[in-house]
C-alpha cells in the first residue's frame, strides 16, 4: 500500500487538501491541532502515553508543522480524525491575491512538511519504530510501531521455526489512497521451534503492538 509516514491528496470537489500523518501510539485525547497566528501553518502535536511504565524505554512526542510556501495563501480551517495511530486532516485555505497565486493556477497545493520525533533524552529526525528488552524473568519485551492504521483486531502473531512474525491489515479510511498491509519478522527464539501464538501476550493499541514473549 501507500508507503511513508504521510500522504497529501488534493480534493477534487473543492480546494481542500487531505493529509494523512502516522502518529503511532497517540490516542485521540493526546493529539492537538492548531493554526499558527500567521495562518501560514498548521501545527500538530502528539504525545503517546507509556503503556508499560517498566518496559517502554521513554515517553515520546511528535511535532509536525504543515506550512504553505505560497505567500498569497492562508489556512482558514481544518477538521481531523484520530484513530489507530493515524491522524487524518482536511485542510482549508483561501487565496488573498488570486492574480499571483501559484497554488490555484499551477499546483493544486504547495506545502512544506516538517516532521519531528523526540523523546525525553534526544531530539531525533527519524522514528524509532522498534525496541526490545530482555526482562528479569527471561521473557522478551518487544514494542513495534510497524502497523499504524491497523485496528487492534486486525493483527496476527505467528511463530514458525523460531521466528516471531507480526502481520496487520490497515483498511482504507476517509480519503486514503489505499489500505496498507504490514508483515515483519520481529524476534528470533533461542531454538527453531514452533509454539502456539497464544503463549505470546499481545497488546495492540493506537497503532502500536507490544509483545511479551516467554522463554522456552
N, C-alpha and C. Protein backbone atom coordinates (compact mmCIF):
# COMPACT_ATOMS: atom_id res chain seq x y z
N UNK A 1 0.82 -1.19 0.00
CA UNK A 1 0.00 0.00 0.00
C UNK A 1 0.86 1.25 0.00
N UNK A 2 0.24 2.38 0.35
CA UNK A 2 0.95 3.65 0.40
C UNK A 2 2.08 3.58 1.41
N UNK A 3 3.29 3.94 0.98
CA UNK A 3 4.46 3.90 1.86
C UNK A 3 4.74 5.30 2.43
N UNK A 4 5.47 5.33 3.52
CA UNK A 4 5.83 6.61 4.12
C UNK A 4 4.94 6.97 5.28
N UNK A 5 5.37 7.99 6.03
CA UNK A 5 4.67 8.42 7.24
C UNK A 5 3.53 9.38 6.93
N UNK A 6 3.45 9.89 5.70
CA UNK A 6 2.46 10.91 5.40
C UNK A 6 1.95 10.76 3.98
N UNK A 7 0.82 11.40 3.73
CA UNK A 7 0.20 11.38 2.41
C UNK A 7 -0.60 12.66 2.23
N UNK A 8 -0.45 13.31 1.07
CA UNK A 8 -1.18 14.52 0.74
C UNK A 8 -2.04 14.25 -0.49
N UNK A 9 -3.31 14.65 -0.44
CA UNK A 9 -4.20 14.45 -1.58
C UNK A 9 -5.09 15.68 -1.75
N UNK A 10 -5.02 16.37 -2.88
CA UNK A 10 -5.96 17.46 -3.14
C UNK A 10 -7.35 16.89 -3.41
N UNK A 11 -8.37 17.51 -2.87
CA UNK A 11 -9.74 17.02 -3.04
C UNK A 11 -10.37 17.70 -4.25
N UNK A 12 -10.90 16.88 -5.14
CA UNK A 12 -11.39 17.37 -6.42
C UNK A 12 -12.62 18.27 -6.26
N UNK A 13 -13.42 18.02 -5.22
CA UNK A 13 -14.68 18.75 -5.10
C UNK A 13 -14.51 20.17 -4.59
N UNK A 14 -13.33 20.51 -4.04
CA UNK A 14 -13.09 21.86 -3.55
C UNK A 14 -11.58 22.10 -3.52
N UNK A 15 -11.17 23.17 -2.89
CA UNK A 15 -9.74 23.49 -2.79
C UNK A 15 -9.11 22.93 -1.52
N UNK A 16 -9.81 22.06 -0.81
CA UNK A 16 -9.26 21.48 0.41
C UNK A 16 -8.21 20.43 0.08
N UNK A 17 -7.42 20.09 1.09
CA UNK A 17 -6.37 19.08 0.94
C UNK A 17 -6.49 18.08 2.07
N UNK A 18 -6.44 16.81 1.73
CA UNK A 18 -6.45 15.73 2.71
C UNK A 18 -5.01 15.38 3.06
N UNK A 19 -4.75 15.23 4.35
CA UNK A 19 -3.41 14.89 4.84
C UNK A 19 -3.53 13.71 5.79
N UNK A 20 -2.71 12.68 5.56
CA UNK A 20 -2.61 11.55 6.49
C UNK A 20 -1.24 11.59 7.15
N UNK A 21 -1.22 11.53 8.49
CA UNK A 21 0.02 11.51 9.26
C UNK A 21 0.01 10.31 10.19
N UNK A 22 1.07 9.53 10.18
CA UNK A 22 1.20 8.41 11.11
C UNK A 22 1.79 8.92 12.42
N UNK A 23 1.04 8.72 13.50
CA UNK A 23 1.49 9.09 14.86
C UNK A 23 1.29 7.88 15.76
N UNK A 24 2.10 6.84 15.58
CA UNK A 24 1.87 5.60 16.33
C UNK A 24 1.94 5.81 17.84
N UNK A 25 0.95 5.22 18.51
CA UNK A 25 0.91 5.28 19.96
C UNK A 25 0.08 6.42 20.52
N UNK A 26 -0.35 7.35 19.67
CA UNK A 26 -1.06 8.53 20.14
C UNK A 26 -2.57 8.27 20.14
N UNK A 27 -3.23 8.33 21.30
CA UNK A 27 -4.70 8.22 21.33
C UNK A 27 -5.34 9.55 20.95
N UNK A 28 -6.64 9.51 20.71
CA UNK A 28 -7.35 10.71 20.25
C UNK A 28 -7.23 11.85 21.24
N UNK A 29 -7.26 11.54 22.54
CA UNK A 29 -7.24 12.60 23.55
C UNK A 29 -5.86 13.22 23.75
N UNK A 30 -4.84 12.68 23.10
CA UNK A 30 -3.47 13.18 23.30
C UNK A 30 -2.90 13.85 22.06
N UNK A 31 -3.76 14.24 21.12
CA UNK A 31 -3.29 14.97 19.94
C UNK A 31 -3.91 16.36 19.94
N UNK A 32 -3.10 17.35 19.57
CA UNK A 32 -3.57 18.73 19.48
C UNK A 32 -3.23 19.28 18.10
N UNK A 33 -4.19 19.95 17.49
CA UNK A 33 -4.01 20.53 16.16
C UNK A 33 -4.43 21.99 16.24
N UNK A 34 -3.62 22.89 15.67
CA UNK A 34 -3.96 24.30 15.71
C UNK A 34 -3.35 25.07 14.56
N UNK A 35 -3.88 26.27 14.31
CA UNK A 35 -3.35 27.18 13.30
C UNK A 35 -2.34 28.12 13.93
N UNK A 36 -1.30 28.44 13.20
CA UNK A 36 -0.36 29.45 13.66
C UNK A 36 -1.01 30.83 13.59
N UNK A 37 -0.44 31.80 14.31
CA UNK A 37 -1.01 33.15 14.29
C UNK A 37 -0.97 33.76 12.89
N UNK A 38 0.04 33.40 12.13
CA UNK A 38 0.16 33.93 10.78
C UNK A 38 -0.80 33.28 9.79
N UNK A 39 -1.41 32.16 10.21
CA UNK A 39 -2.29 31.36 9.36
C UNK A 39 -1.55 30.73 8.18
N UNK A 40 -0.23 30.67 8.28
CA UNK A 40 0.58 30.06 7.23
C UNK A 40 0.96 28.62 7.57
N UNK A 41 0.58 28.14 8.75
CA UNK A 41 0.99 26.79 9.15
C UNK A 41 -0.07 26.15 10.02
N UNK A 42 -0.18 24.83 9.90
CA UNK A 42 -0.99 24.00 10.79
C UNK A 42 -0.01 23.18 11.62
N UNK A 43 -0.17 23.22 12.93
CA UNK A 43 0.77 22.58 13.85
C UNK A 43 0.08 21.41 14.53
N UNK A 44 0.74 20.26 14.49
CA UNK A 44 0.22 19.03 15.10
C UNK A 44 1.18 18.57 16.18
N UNK A 45 0.64 18.31 17.37
CA UNK A 45 1.47 17.82 18.48
C UNK A 45 0.79 16.59 19.07
N UNK A 46 1.56 15.54 19.24
CA UNK A 46 1.02 14.31 19.83
C UNK A 46 1.98 13.74 20.85
N UNK A 47 1.42 13.21 21.92
CA UNK A 47 2.24 12.64 22.99
C UNK A 47 1.66 11.29 23.40
N UNK A 48 2.23 10.20 22.89
CA UNK A 48 1.71 8.89 23.28
C UNK A 48 2.09 8.55 24.71
N UNK A 49 1.15 8.08 25.50
CA UNK A 49 1.47 7.69 26.87
C UNK A 49 2.21 6.35 26.90
N UNK A 50 2.95 6.13 27.97
CA UNK A 50 3.56 4.82 28.17
C UNK A 50 2.47 3.81 28.51
N UNK A 51 2.51 2.65 27.86
CA UNK A 51 1.59 1.57 28.18
C UNK A 51 2.20 0.67 29.24
N UNK A 52 3.50 0.39 29.11
CA UNK A 52 4.24 -0.37 30.12
C UNK A 52 5.29 0.56 30.73
N UNK A 53 5.00 1.10 31.89
CA UNK A 53 5.95 2.03 32.51
C UNK A 53 7.30 1.39 32.78
N UNK A 54 7.31 0.09 33.06
CA UNK A 54 8.56 -0.58 33.39
C UNK A 54 9.31 -1.09 32.16
N UNK A 55 8.64 -1.11 31.00
CA UNK A 55 9.26 -1.72 29.83
C UNK A 55 9.53 -0.71 28.71
N UNK A 56 8.59 0.21 28.44
CA UNK A 56 8.85 1.22 27.41
C UNK A 56 10.04 2.06 27.85
N UNK A 57 10.98 2.28 26.93
CA UNK A 57 12.24 2.92 27.32
C UNK A 57 12.06 4.37 27.74
N UNK A 58 11.20 5.12 27.06
CA UNK A 58 10.97 6.51 27.41
C UNK A 58 9.68 6.97 26.77
N UNK A 59 9.15 8.07 27.29
CA UNK A 59 7.98 8.65 26.64
C UNK A 59 8.41 9.31 25.33
N UNK A 60 7.45 9.47 24.41
CA UNK A 60 7.78 10.02 23.10
C UNK A 60 6.82 11.15 22.77
N UNK A 61 7.26 12.02 21.88
CA UNK A 61 6.45 13.15 21.46
C UNK A 61 6.64 13.35 19.96
N UNK A 62 5.58 13.83 19.31
CA UNK A 62 5.63 14.11 17.88
C UNK A 62 5.25 15.58 17.66
N UNK A 63 5.98 16.21 16.76
CA UNK A 63 5.66 17.58 16.35
C UNK A 63 5.71 17.64 14.84
N UNK A 64 4.61 18.03 14.22
CA UNK A 64 4.52 18.15 12.77
C UNK A 64 4.05 19.54 12.42
N UNK A 65 4.73 20.18 11.48
CA UNK A 65 4.35 21.51 11.01
C UNK A 65 4.09 21.43 9.52
N UNK A 66 2.87 21.73 9.11
CA UNK A 66 2.50 21.77 7.70
C UNK A 66 2.39 23.23 7.31
N UNK A 67 3.24 23.66 6.40
CA UNK A 67 3.36 25.08 6.11
C UNK A 67 3.16 25.33 4.62
N UNK A 68 2.36 26.33 4.30
CA UNK A 68 2.22 26.74 2.92
C UNK A 68 3.38 27.66 2.56
N UNK A 69 3.99 27.44 1.40
CA UNK A 69 5.10 28.29 0.98
C UNK A 69 4.64 29.31 -0.07
N UNK A 70 3.35 29.37 -0.30
CA UNK A 70 2.79 30.39 -1.19
C UNK A 70 2.39 31.59 -0.33
N UNK A 71 2.98 32.73 -0.57
CA UNK A 71 2.76 33.90 0.29
C UNK A 71 1.34 34.45 0.19
N UNK A 72 0.62 34.07 -0.86
CA UNK A 72 -0.71 34.63 -1.05
C UNK A 72 -1.82 33.76 -0.46
N UNK A 73 -1.47 32.61 0.14
CA UNK A 73 -2.48 31.70 0.68
C UNK A 73 -2.40 31.61 2.20
N UNK A 74 -3.56 31.51 2.83
CA UNK A 74 -3.67 31.33 4.28
C UNK A 74 -4.54 30.11 4.56
N UNK A 75 -4.20 29.40 5.61
CA UNK A 75 -5.10 28.37 6.11
C UNK A 75 -6.25 29.05 6.83
N UNK A 76 -7.46 28.56 6.61
CA UNK A 76 -8.62 29.16 7.28
C UNK A 76 -9.35 28.17 8.18
N UNK A 77 -8.98 26.90 8.13
CA UNK A 77 -9.65 25.94 8.99
C UNK A 77 -9.21 24.53 8.71
N UNK A 78 -9.68 23.62 9.55
CA UNK A 78 -9.33 22.21 9.39
C UNK A 78 -10.32 21.36 10.16
N UNK A 79 -10.43 20.13 9.77
CA UNK A 79 -11.10 19.10 10.56
C UNK A 79 -10.14 17.93 10.66
N UNK A 80 -10.29 17.12 11.71
CA UNK A 80 -9.38 15.99 11.84
C UNK A 80 -10.05 14.83 12.55
N UNK A 81 -9.49 13.65 12.29
CA UNK A 81 -9.93 12.41 12.92
C UNK A 81 -8.70 11.62 13.31
N UNK A 82 -8.66 11.11 14.54
CA UNK A 82 -7.53 10.33 15.03
C UNK A 82 -8.02 8.93 15.36
N UNK A 83 -7.40 7.91 14.73
CA UNK A 83 -7.78 6.54 15.05
C UNK A 83 -6.62 5.61 14.72
N UNK A 84 -6.39 4.65 15.61
CA UNK A 84 -5.40 3.58 15.40
C UNK A 84 -4.02 4.14 15.04
N UNK A 85 -3.64 5.25 15.68
CA UNK A 85 -2.31 5.81 15.46
C UNK A 85 -2.14 6.60 14.19
N UNK A 86 -3.24 6.96 13.53
CA UNK A 86 -3.18 7.74 12.29
C UNK A 86 -4.06 8.97 12.44
N UNK A 87 -3.49 10.13 12.12
CA UNK A 87 -4.24 11.39 12.12
C UNK A 87 -4.59 11.73 10.67
N UNK A 88 -5.86 11.99 10.43
CA UNK A 88 -6.33 12.39 9.10
C UNK A 88 -6.93 13.79 9.20
N UNK A 89 -6.41 14.69 8.38
CA UNK A 89 -6.84 16.09 8.39
C UNK A 89 -7.40 16.47 7.03
N UNK A 90 -8.35 17.38 7.05
CA UNK A 90 -8.78 18.07 5.84
C UNK A 90 -8.50 19.56 6.07
N UNK A 91 -7.59 20.12 5.29
CA UNK A 91 -7.15 21.49 5.45
C UNK A 91 -7.85 22.39 4.43
N UNK A 92 -8.35 23.52 4.91
CA UNK A 92 -8.98 24.51 4.04
C UNK A 92 -8.12 25.75 3.99
N UNK A 93 -7.97 26.34 2.80
CA UNK A 93 -7.16 27.54 2.67
C UNK A 93 -7.89 28.54 1.78
N UNK A 94 -7.44 29.77 1.83
CA UNK A 94 -8.00 30.81 0.98
C UNK A 94 -6.87 31.59 0.35
N UNK A 95 -7.11 32.13 -0.81
CA UNK A 95 -6.10 32.91 -1.52
C UNK A 95 -6.42 34.39 -1.36
N UNK A 96 -5.47 35.16 -0.84
CA UNK A 96 -5.67 36.59 -0.62
C UNK A 96 -5.35 37.42 -1.85
N UNK A 97 -4.63 36.82 -2.81
CA UNK A 97 -4.28 37.52 -4.05
C UNK A 97 -4.38 36.54 -5.22
N UNK A 98 -5.58 36.29 -5.74
CA UNK A 98 -5.76 35.27 -6.78
C UNK A 98 -4.92 35.51 -8.03
N UNK A 99 -4.58 36.75 -8.35
CA UNK A 99 -3.84 37.03 -9.58
C UNK A 99 -2.42 36.49 -9.55
N UNK A 100 -1.87 36.29 -8.34
CA UNK A 100 -0.49 35.81 -8.24
C UNK A 100 -0.38 34.46 -7.55
N UNK A 101 -1.50 33.80 -7.36
CA UNK A 101 -1.49 32.54 -6.59
C UNK A 101 -1.07 31.37 -7.48
N UNK A 102 0.10 30.82 -7.22
CA UNK A 102 0.57 29.68 -8.00
C UNK A 102 -0.08 28.38 -7.52
N UNK A 103 -0.67 28.39 -6.33
CA UNK A 103 -1.33 27.17 -5.84
C UNK A 103 -2.54 26.82 -6.68
N UNK A 104 -3.31 27.83 -7.08
CA UNK A 104 -4.53 27.55 -7.83
C UNK A 104 -4.29 27.47 -9.34
N UNK A 105 -3.28 28.18 -9.84
CA UNK A 105 -3.06 28.22 -11.27
C UNK A 105 -2.12 27.14 -11.77
N UNK A 106 -1.18 26.72 -10.91
CA UNK A 106 -0.15 25.76 -11.36
C UNK A 106 -0.23 24.44 -10.61
N UNK A 107 -0.37 24.51 -9.30
CA UNK A 107 -0.39 23.32 -8.47
C UNK A 107 -1.67 23.31 -7.63
N UNK A 108 -2.24 22.13 -7.37
CA UNK A 108 -3.43 22.07 -6.53
C UNK A 108 -3.14 22.48 -5.09
N UNK A 109 -1.92 22.25 -4.63
CA UNK A 109 -1.49 22.72 -3.32
C UNK A 109 0.02 22.78 -3.30
N UNK A 110 0.57 23.55 -2.41
CA UNK A 110 2.02 23.68 -2.32
C UNK A 110 2.36 23.85 -0.85
N UNK A 111 2.77 22.76 -0.20
CA UNK A 111 3.03 22.78 1.23
C UNK A 111 4.44 22.28 1.52
N UNK A 112 4.96 22.73 2.63
CA UNK A 112 6.16 22.15 3.21
C UNK A 112 5.75 21.39 4.46
N UNK A 113 6.35 20.21 4.65
CA UNK A 113 6.03 19.39 5.81
C UNK A 113 7.29 19.20 6.64
N UNK A 114 7.23 19.61 7.91
CA UNK A 114 8.31 19.37 8.86
C UNK A 114 7.81 18.34 9.87
N UNK A 115 8.54 17.24 9.99
CA UNK A 115 8.07 16.09 10.75
C UNK A 115 9.15 15.72 11.75
N UNK A 116 8.85 15.84 13.06
CA UNK A 116 9.85 15.59 14.09
C UNK A 116 9.35 14.53 15.07
N UNK A 117 10.30 13.79 15.59
CA UNK A 117 10.03 12.86 16.69
C UNK A 117 11.09 13.10 17.74
N UNK A 118 10.70 13.12 19.00
CA UNK A 118 11.71 13.26 20.05
C UNK A 118 11.23 12.54 21.29
N UNK A 119 12.21 12.17 22.13
CA UNK A 119 11.88 11.50 23.38
C UNK A 119 12.41 12.33 24.54
N UNK A 120 12.43 11.76 25.74
CA UNK A 120 12.82 12.52 26.92
C UNK A 120 14.29 12.94 26.90
N UNK A 121 15.11 12.23 26.11
CA UNK A 121 16.54 12.46 26.16
C UNK A 121 17.07 13.11 24.90
N UNK A 122 16.64 12.60 23.75
CA UNK A 122 17.22 13.03 22.49
C UNK A 122 16.16 13.62 21.58
N UNK A 123 16.59 14.56 20.76
CA UNK A 123 15.75 15.11 19.71
C UNK A 123 16.15 14.45 18.41
N UNK A 124 15.23 13.75 17.77
CA UNK A 124 15.56 12.93 16.61
C UNK A 124 14.77 13.38 15.40
N UNK A 125 15.33 13.19 14.22
CA UNK A 125 14.62 13.49 12.98
C UNK A 125 14.08 12.22 12.32
N UNK A 126 14.21 11.10 13.00
CA UNK A 126 13.72 9.84 12.46
C UNK A 126 12.87 9.16 13.51
N UNK A 127 12.09 8.21 13.08
CA UNK A 127 11.27 7.43 14.00
C UNK A 127 12.06 6.25 14.53
N UNK A 128 11.93 5.98 15.81
CA UNK A 128 12.43 4.75 16.40
C UNK A 128 11.23 3.81 16.47
N UNK A 129 11.13 2.90 15.50
CA UNK A 129 9.90 2.14 15.32
C UNK A 129 9.93 0.81 16.04
N UNK A 130 11.06 0.45 16.63
CA UNK A 130 11.19 -0.88 17.23
C UNK A 130 12.08 -0.78 18.46
N UNK A 131 11.68 -1.47 19.51
CA UNK A 131 12.58 -1.64 20.65
C UNK A 131 12.31 -2.99 21.29
N UNK A 132 13.35 -3.58 21.85
CA UNK A 132 13.21 -4.86 22.54
C UNK A 132 14.03 -4.81 23.82
N UNK A 133 13.60 -5.62 24.78
CA UNK A 133 14.26 -5.62 26.08
C UNK A 133 14.11 -7.00 26.72
N UNK A 134 15.23 -7.53 27.20
CA UNK A 134 15.19 -8.79 27.95
C UNK A 134 14.78 -8.50 29.38
N UNK A 135 13.75 -9.18 29.86
CA UNK A 135 13.25 -8.96 31.20
C UNK A 135 13.91 -9.91 32.19
N UNK A 136 13.78 -9.58 33.46
CA UNK A 136 14.45 -10.37 34.51
C UNK A 136 13.97 -11.81 34.55
N UNK A 137 12.71 -12.06 34.16
CA UNK A 137 12.18 -13.43 34.20
C UNK A 137 12.52 -14.23 32.94
N UNK A 138 13.34 -13.64 32.07
CA UNK A 138 13.74 -14.35 30.86
C UNK A 138 12.88 -14.05 29.64
N UNK A 139 11.75 -13.36 29.84
CA UNK A 139 10.89 -13.01 28.71
C UNK A 139 11.52 -11.90 27.88
N UNK A 140 11.06 -11.80 26.64
CA UNK A 140 11.50 -10.73 25.75
C UNK A 140 10.33 -9.78 25.52
N UNK A 141 10.57 -8.49 25.76
CA UNK A 141 9.56 -7.47 25.51
C UNK A 141 9.87 -6.78 24.19
N UNK A 142 8.86 -6.70 23.33
CA UNK A 142 9.04 -6.07 22.02
C UNK A 142 7.95 -5.02 21.83
N UNK A 143 8.35 -3.81 21.42
CA UNK A 143 7.40 -2.77 21.03
C UNK A 143 7.62 -2.46 19.56
N UNK A 144 6.55 -2.44 18.79
CA UNK A 144 6.66 -2.31 17.35
C UNK A 144 5.67 -1.27 16.84
N UNK A 145 6.19 -0.25 16.14
CA UNK A 145 5.36 0.78 15.54
C UNK A 145 5.01 0.46 14.09
N UNK A 146 5.28 -0.74 13.65
CA UNK A 146 5.12 -1.06 12.24
C UNK A 146 3.69 -0.87 11.73
N UNK A 147 2.63 -1.09 12.52
CA UNK A 147 1.30 -1.10 11.91
C UNK A 147 0.39 0.07 12.25
N UNK A 148 0.78 1.36 12.03
CA UNK A 148 -0.20 2.42 12.24
C UNK A 148 -1.36 2.28 11.27
N UNK A 149 -2.56 2.51 11.78
CA UNK A 149 -3.76 2.37 10.97
C UNK A 149 -4.42 1.02 11.04
N UNK A 150 -3.75 0.06 11.71
CA UNK A 150 -4.31 -1.29 11.82
C UNK A 150 -5.20 -1.36 13.06
N UNK A 151 -6.49 -1.69 12.93
CA UNK A 151 -7.33 -1.88 14.12
C UNK A 151 -6.78 -3.01 15.00
N UNK A 152 -7.09 -2.96 16.28
CA UNK A 152 -6.48 -3.90 17.21
C UNK A 152 -6.89 -5.34 16.95
N UNK A 153 -7.98 -5.56 16.22
CA UNK A 153 -8.40 -6.93 15.92
C UNK A 153 -7.93 -7.39 14.54
N UNK A 154 -7.08 -6.60 13.87
CA UNK A 154 -6.57 -6.97 12.54
C UNK A 154 -5.10 -7.37 12.57
N UNK A 155 -4.58 -7.69 13.75
CA UNK A 155 -3.21 -8.16 13.90
C UNK A 155 -3.19 -9.68 13.93
N UNK A 156 -2.06 -10.24 13.53
CA UNK A 156 -1.84 -11.67 13.69
C UNK A 156 -0.38 -11.89 14.09
N UNK A 157 -0.17 -12.74 15.07
CA UNK A 157 1.16 -13.10 15.53
C UNK A 157 1.34 -14.60 15.35
N UNK A 158 2.40 -15.01 14.67
CA UNK A 158 2.69 -16.42 14.45
C UNK A 158 4.14 -16.70 14.80
N UNK A 159 4.40 -17.96 15.15
CA UNK A 159 5.76 -18.40 15.46
C UNK A 159 6.02 -19.68 14.67
N UNK A 160 7.01 -19.63 13.78
CA UNK A 160 7.38 -20.79 12.97
C UNK A 160 8.90 -20.87 12.86
N UNK A 161 9.45 -22.04 13.17
CA UNK A 161 10.90 -22.24 13.12
C UNK A 161 11.67 -21.22 13.95
N UNK A 162 11.08 -20.86 15.08
CA UNK A 162 11.73 -19.94 15.99
C UNK A 162 11.63 -18.47 15.61
N UNK A 163 10.91 -18.15 14.53
CA UNK A 163 10.77 -16.77 14.08
C UNK A 163 9.38 -16.25 14.46
N UNK A 164 9.34 -15.13 15.17
CA UNK A 164 8.08 -14.48 15.54
C UNK A 164 7.75 -13.45 14.47
N UNK A 165 6.59 -13.63 13.84
CA UNK A 165 6.17 -12.74 12.76
C UNK A 165 4.88 -12.04 13.15
N UNK A 166 4.80 -10.75 12.81
CA UNK A 166 3.60 -9.95 13.02
C UNK A 166 3.08 -9.48 11.66
N UNK A 167 1.80 -9.63 11.42
CA UNK A 167 1.17 -9.09 10.22
C UNK A 167 -0.03 -8.25 10.63
N UNK A 168 -0.35 -7.28 9.81
CA UNK A 168 -1.50 -6.42 10.10
C UNK A 168 -2.06 -5.83 8.83
N UNK A 169 -3.37 -5.67 8.80
CA UNK A 169 -4.07 -5.12 7.64
C UNK A 169 -4.76 -3.82 8.05
N UNK A 170 -4.32 -2.70 7.43
CA UNK A 170 -4.92 -1.40 7.70
C UNK A 170 -5.91 -1.07 6.59
N UNK A 171 -7.17 -0.87 6.90
CA UNK A 171 -8.14 -0.56 5.85
C UNK A 171 -7.98 0.87 5.36
N UNK A 172 -8.51 1.13 4.18
CA UNK A 172 -8.55 2.50 3.66
C UNK A 172 -9.66 3.26 4.39
N UNK A 173 -9.33 4.42 4.92
CA UNK A 173 -10.27 5.24 5.68
C UNK A 173 -10.31 6.64 5.06
N UNK A 174 -11.48 7.22 5.03
CA UNK A 174 -11.65 8.58 4.53
C UNK A 174 -11.10 8.69 3.11
N UNK A 175 -10.13 9.60 2.90
CA UNK A 175 -9.58 9.83 1.56
C UNK A 175 -8.24 9.12 1.36
N UNK A 176 -7.92 8.11 2.18
CA UNK A 176 -6.69 7.35 1.96
C UNK A 176 -6.63 6.84 0.52
N UNK A 177 -5.45 6.87 -0.08
CA UNK A 177 -5.32 6.38 -1.45
C UNK A 177 -5.51 4.87 -1.52
N UNK A 178 -5.19 4.16 -0.45
CA UNK A 178 -5.34 2.70 -0.43
C UNK A 178 -5.17 2.21 1.00
N UNK A 179 -5.56 0.96 1.24
CA UNK A 179 -5.24 0.33 2.50
C UNK A 179 -3.77 -0.06 2.52
N UNK A 180 -3.32 -0.55 3.67
CA UNK A 180 -1.90 -0.93 3.80
C UNK A 180 -1.80 -2.28 4.50
N UNK A 181 -0.80 -3.05 4.07
CA UNK A 181 -0.53 -4.35 4.67
C UNK A 181 0.88 -4.36 5.21
N UNK A 182 1.03 -4.89 6.43
CA UNK A 182 2.33 -4.94 7.08
C UNK A 182 2.68 -6.38 7.40
N UNK A 183 3.96 -6.70 7.28
CA UNK A 183 4.44 -8.02 7.67
C UNK A 183 5.91 -7.90 8.04
N UNK A 184 6.27 -8.44 9.19
CA UNK A 184 7.66 -8.34 9.61
C UNK A 184 8.03 -9.42 10.61
N UNK A 185 9.27 -9.92 10.49
CA UNK A 185 9.85 -10.81 11.50
C UNK A 185 10.42 -9.94 12.60
N UNK A 186 9.91 -10.10 13.83
CA UNK A 186 10.23 -9.15 14.89
C UNK A 186 11.11 -9.73 15.99
N UNK A 187 11.26 -11.05 16.03
CA UNK A 187 12.10 -11.66 17.07
C UNK A 187 12.49 -13.07 16.64
N UNK A 188 13.63 -13.53 17.18
CA UNK A 188 14.09 -14.88 16.92
C UNK A 188 14.28 -15.60 18.26
N UNK A 189 13.64 -16.75 18.39
CA UNK A 189 13.76 -17.52 19.62
C UNK A 189 15.12 -18.22 19.67
N UNK A 190 15.43 -18.76 20.83
CA UNK A 190 16.73 -19.41 21.02
C UNK A 190 16.83 -20.77 20.35
N UNK A 191 15.70 -21.27 19.87
CA UNK A 191 15.69 -22.56 19.17
C UNK A 191 14.67 -22.50 18.03
N UNK A 192 14.91 -23.19 16.92
CA UNK A 192 14.00 -23.14 15.77
C UNK A 192 12.76 -24.01 15.97
N UNK A 193 11.88 -23.56 16.86
CA UNK A 193 10.72 -24.36 17.23
C UNK A 193 9.45 -23.61 16.83
N UNK A 194 8.34 -24.35 16.79
CA UNK A 194 7.02 -23.76 16.61
C UNK A 194 6.31 -23.76 17.95
N UNK A 195 5.74 -22.63 18.32
CA UNK A 195 4.98 -22.56 19.57
C UNK A 195 3.63 -21.89 19.28
N UNK A 196 2.59 -22.22 20.04
CA UNK A 196 1.28 -21.57 19.82
C UNK A 196 1.38 -20.07 20.07
N UNK A 197 0.77 -19.30 19.21
CA UNK A 197 0.82 -17.85 19.38
C UNK A 197 0.14 -17.40 20.66
N UNK A 198 -0.74 -18.23 21.20
CA UNK A 198 -1.44 -17.84 22.44
C UNK A 198 -0.48 -17.72 23.62
N UNK A 199 0.71 -18.32 23.51
CA UNK A 199 1.69 -18.19 24.58
C UNK A 199 2.33 -16.80 24.63
N UNK A 200 2.16 -16.04 23.56
CA UNK A 200 2.73 -14.70 23.49
C UNK A 200 1.65 -13.69 23.85
N UNK A 201 1.88 -12.94 24.90
CA UNK A 201 0.92 -11.91 25.30
C UNK A 201 1.03 -10.74 24.33
N UNK A 202 -0.09 -10.36 23.76
CA UNK A 202 -0.11 -9.33 22.73
C UNK A 202 -1.01 -8.18 23.16
N UNK A 203 -0.48 -6.96 23.07
CA UNK A 203 -1.25 -5.76 23.37
C UNK A 203 -1.17 -4.85 22.14
N UNK A 204 -2.28 -4.66 21.47
CA UNK A 204 -2.35 -3.79 20.29
C UNK A 204 -3.19 -2.57 20.65
N UNK A 205 -2.58 -1.39 20.49
CA UNK A 205 -3.28 -0.17 20.92
C UNK A 205 -2.73 1.03 20.17
N UNK A 206 -3.61 1.78 19.52
CA UNK A 206 -3.25 3.03 18.87
C UNK A 206 -2.10 2.88 17.87
N UNK A 207 -2.15 1.81 17.09
CA UNK A 207 -1.15 1.63 16.06
C UNK A 207 0.19 1.11 16.54
N UNK A 208 0.27 0.65 17.78
CA UNK A 208 1.49 0.07 18.32
C UNK A 208 1.16 -1.32 18.86
N UNK A 209 2.00 -2.30 18.56
CA UNK A 209 1.80 -3.63 19.10
C UNK A 209 2.95 -3.94 20.05
N UNK A 210 2.61 -4.50 21.20
CA UNK A 210 3.60 -4.88 22.21
C UNK A 210 3.47 -6.37 22.48
N UNK A 211 4.60 -7.05 22.52
CA UNK A 211 4.63 -8.49 22.72
C UNK A 211 5.45 -8.82 23.96
N UNK A 212 4.96 -9.78 24.73
CA UNK A 212 5.72 -10.37 25.82
C UNK A 212 5.93 -11.84 25.45
N UNK A 213 7.14 -12.16 25.04
CA UNK A 213 7.47 -13.50 24.55
C UNK A 213 8.13 -14.28 25.67
N UNK A 214 7.51 -15.38 26.13
CA UNK A 214 8.06 -16.12 27.27
C UNK A 214 9.30 -16.90 26.85
N UNK A 215 10.16 -17.24 27.81
CA UNK A 215 11.32 -18.09 27.49
C UNK A 215 10.87 -19.50 27.16
N UNK A 216 11.67 -20.20 26.40
CA UNK A 216 11.35 -21.60 26.04
C UNK A 216 11.52 -22.50 27.24
